[in-house]
Every structure is written in structure tokens, then in C-alpha cells.
Protein backbone atom coordinates (compact mmCIF):
# COMPACT_ATOMS: atom_id res chain seq x y z
CA MET A 1 0.17 0.01 -0.04
CA ASP A 2 2.83 2.24 0.82
CA THR A 3 4.04 1.91 -2.60
CA LEU A 4 0.91 2.50 -4.15
CA THR A 5 0.33 5.83 -2.53
CA SER A 6 4.18 6.78 -3.25
CA ILE A 7 3.54 6.36 -7.11
CA LEU A 8 0.08 8.04 -7.04
CA VAL A 9 2.16 11.04 -4.67
CA LEU A 10 4.85 11.07 -7.55
CA LEU A 11 2.32 10.96 -10.74
CA SER A 12 0.21 13.72 -9.20
CA GLY A 13 3.57 15.83 -8.48
CA VAL A 14 4.98 15.08 -12.18
CA LEU A 15 1.32 15.73 -13.20
CA LEU A 16 1.05 19.11 -11.57
CA ARG A 17 4.74 20.09 -12.69
CA LEU A 18 3.45 19.76 -16.05
CA LEU A 19 0.42 21.19 -16.05
CA VAL A 20 0.59 24.48 -14.49
CA PRO A 21 3.14 25.59 -16.81
CA LEU A 22 1.28 24.44 -19.54
CA SER A 23 -2.12 26.10 -18.65
CA LEU A 24 -0.37 29.21 -17.67
CA THR A 25 1.36 28.89 -21.24
CA ALA A 26 -2.36 28.49 -22.79
CA LEU A 27 -3.36 31.54 -20.78
CA VAL A 28 -0.69 33.78 -21.87
CA VAL A 29 -1.11 33.02 -25.53
CA PHE A 30 -4.71 33.02 -25.33
CA VAL A 31 -4.65 36.74 -23.79
CA LEU A 32 -1.77 37.84 -26.48
CA ARG A 33 -4.13 36.55 -29.03
CA LYS A 34 -6.93 38.52 -28.01
CA LEU A 35 -5.07 41.74 -27.68
CA ASP A 36 -3.03 41.37 -31.07
CA ALA A 37 -6.46 40.67 -32.82
CA ARG A 38 -7.60 43.86 -30.98
CA TRP A 39 -4.94 45.79 -32.06
CA GLN A 40 -5.15 44.41 -35.81
CA ALA A 41 -8.93 45.84 -35.68
CA GLU A 42 -7.74 49.33 -34.42
CA ALA A 43 -4.75 49.56 -37.29
CA GLU A 44 -7.70 48.57 -40.06
CA LEU A 45 -9.66 51.33 -38.57
CA GLU A 46 -7.22 54.07 -38.39
CA MET A 47 -5.99 53.01 -42.47
CA LYS A 48 -9.72 53.54 -43.03
CA LEU A 49 -10.08 56.79 -41.67
CA LEU A 50 -6.43 57.77 -43.39
CA ALA A 51 -7.66 56.62 -46.63
CA LYS A 52 -10.80 58.42 -45.72
CA ASP A 53 -9.52 61.99 -46.85
CA GLU A 54 -12.20 63.99 -49.13
CA THR A 55 -11.25 67.73 -48.21
CA PRO A 56 -8.00 68.58 -50.58
CA CYS A 57 -5.32 70.79 -49.45
CA TRP A 58 -5.85 74.49 -50.20
CA ARG A 59 -2.70 74.82 -52.11
CA GLU A 60 -3.57 72.01 -54.21
CA GLN A 61 -6.97 73.38 -55.26
CA GLY A 62 -4.36 76.47 -56.86
CA LEU A 63 -5.29 79.26 -54.00
CA SER A 64 -2.77 81.69 -53.62
CA LEU A 65 -1.19 82.22 -50.23
CA ASP A 66 -3.08 85.66 -50.05
CA ARG A 67 -6.23 83.61 -50.30
CA ILE A 68 -5.38 80.72 -48.03
CA GLU A 69 -4.25 83.25 -45.22
CA GLN A 70 -8.18 84.50 -45.70
CA MET A 71 -9.54 81.23 -45.29
CA SER A 72 -7.40 80.54 -42.36
CA ALA A 73 -8.55 83.64 -40.53
CA ALA A 74 -12.26 82.52 -41.59
CA SER A 75 -11.95 79.27 -40.11
CA GLY A 76 -9.77 80.08 -37.17
CA LYS A 77 -7.43 77.69 -37.80
CA PRO A 78 -4.45 77.31 -40.73
CA CYS A 79 -4.99 75.18 -43.27
CA TRP A 80 -2.55 72.51 -42.04
CA GLN A 81 -4.39 72.25 -38.67
CA ILE A 82 -7.48 71.68 -40.57
CA LYS A 83 -5.70 68.74 -42.68
CA ARG A 84 -4.00 67.11 -39.63
CA LEU A 85 -4.11 63.01 -39.41
CA PRO A 86 -6.70 61.42 -37.19
CA ASN A 87 -3.53 60.70 -34.69
CA GLY A 88 -2.68 64.50 -34.64
CA TYR A 89 0.35 64.42 -36.74
CA LEU A 90 0.89 66.88 -39.64
CA ARG A 91 1.10 65.80 -43.08
CA GLU A 92 4.11 65.39 -45.23
CA GLU A 93 3.04 67.60 -47.90
CA CYS A 94 2.22 70.19 -45.27
CA LEU A 95 5.88 70.71 -43.87
CA GLY A 96 6.99 71.85 -47.10
CA CYS A 97 4.03 73.73 -47.87
CA GLU A 98 4.63 77.57 -48.72
CA ALA A 99 1.62 78.63 -46.30
CA PHE A 100 3.18 76.41 -43.73
CA LEU A 101 6.45 77.79 -44.07
CA SER A 102 5.77 81.61 -43.99
CA ALA A 103 3.51 81.15 -41.37
CA PRO A 104 4.38 83.94 -38.20
CA MET A 105 5.94 81.60 -35.48
CA PRO A 106 3.65 81.29 -32.30
CA SER A 107 5.47 83.41 -29.43
CA PRO A 108 5.62 81.32 -26.02
CA LYS A 109 3.77 83.22 -23.08
CA HIS A 110 6.26 83.23 -20.29
CA LYS A 111 5.09 83.55 -16.70
CA GLU A 112 7.52 85.94 -14.73
CA ALA A 113 8.83 84.46 -11.24
CA HIS A 114 7.31 86.51 -8.46
CA ALA A 115 10.05 87.12 -6.24
């Protein structure tokens, strides 16, 4: 009877030693696959949003710099702010545009230190 008990204890120890790491590994794989599927869906949605750009650049429409400045003043935002990507980045073509390069540099407002 002692031999049977020791064999059962040995087998249960081996099973626990194998089953616990395997089940934890399977759980991690499952969670990572779900996370990857979510990230893939977010990436597809972002790509759809990027492809859905129906407003052409004011410069591409052939507008002069004066007209671009007038439209920016009317809308309250410059054209490169209106044409930002959904993630907030500026478009590459805006960085080399004359309207962007000739825009005045914003001046930082510093608070004077109280003595």
C-alpha cells in the first residue's frame, strides 16, 4: 500500500509540474491573441480613416497664399491644422508647403517669476 501511495504522489507531482506551466502558457497565448486581434482591428480602422480624406489641400486647389491666409482667418485655424491626420500628426506635404513655411512663429507666453 505504501508503494501505491508513493507512486500516486509521484504521478500527481509530475502532472502538476507539467499541467501548471502548460496551462499558464496557454492562458498567456490566449490573452496575447485577443490583444493582437484588438490591435489589428484598431490598425484597420485607422487605415480606413486615413484613406477617407475628402478635403483636398488648399494649395493643391490652386489657391494663392493670400487666399489661404483669408480662409485660415475665416475658419480660425490654418490649413495644416485642418488637414491633420487622425492621430494628430501633420501631413508630410504640409511641412514643405509655402503656407506652412511662411506662417508666423507662435511666441511662447512666459510667466514671470514672483520674487
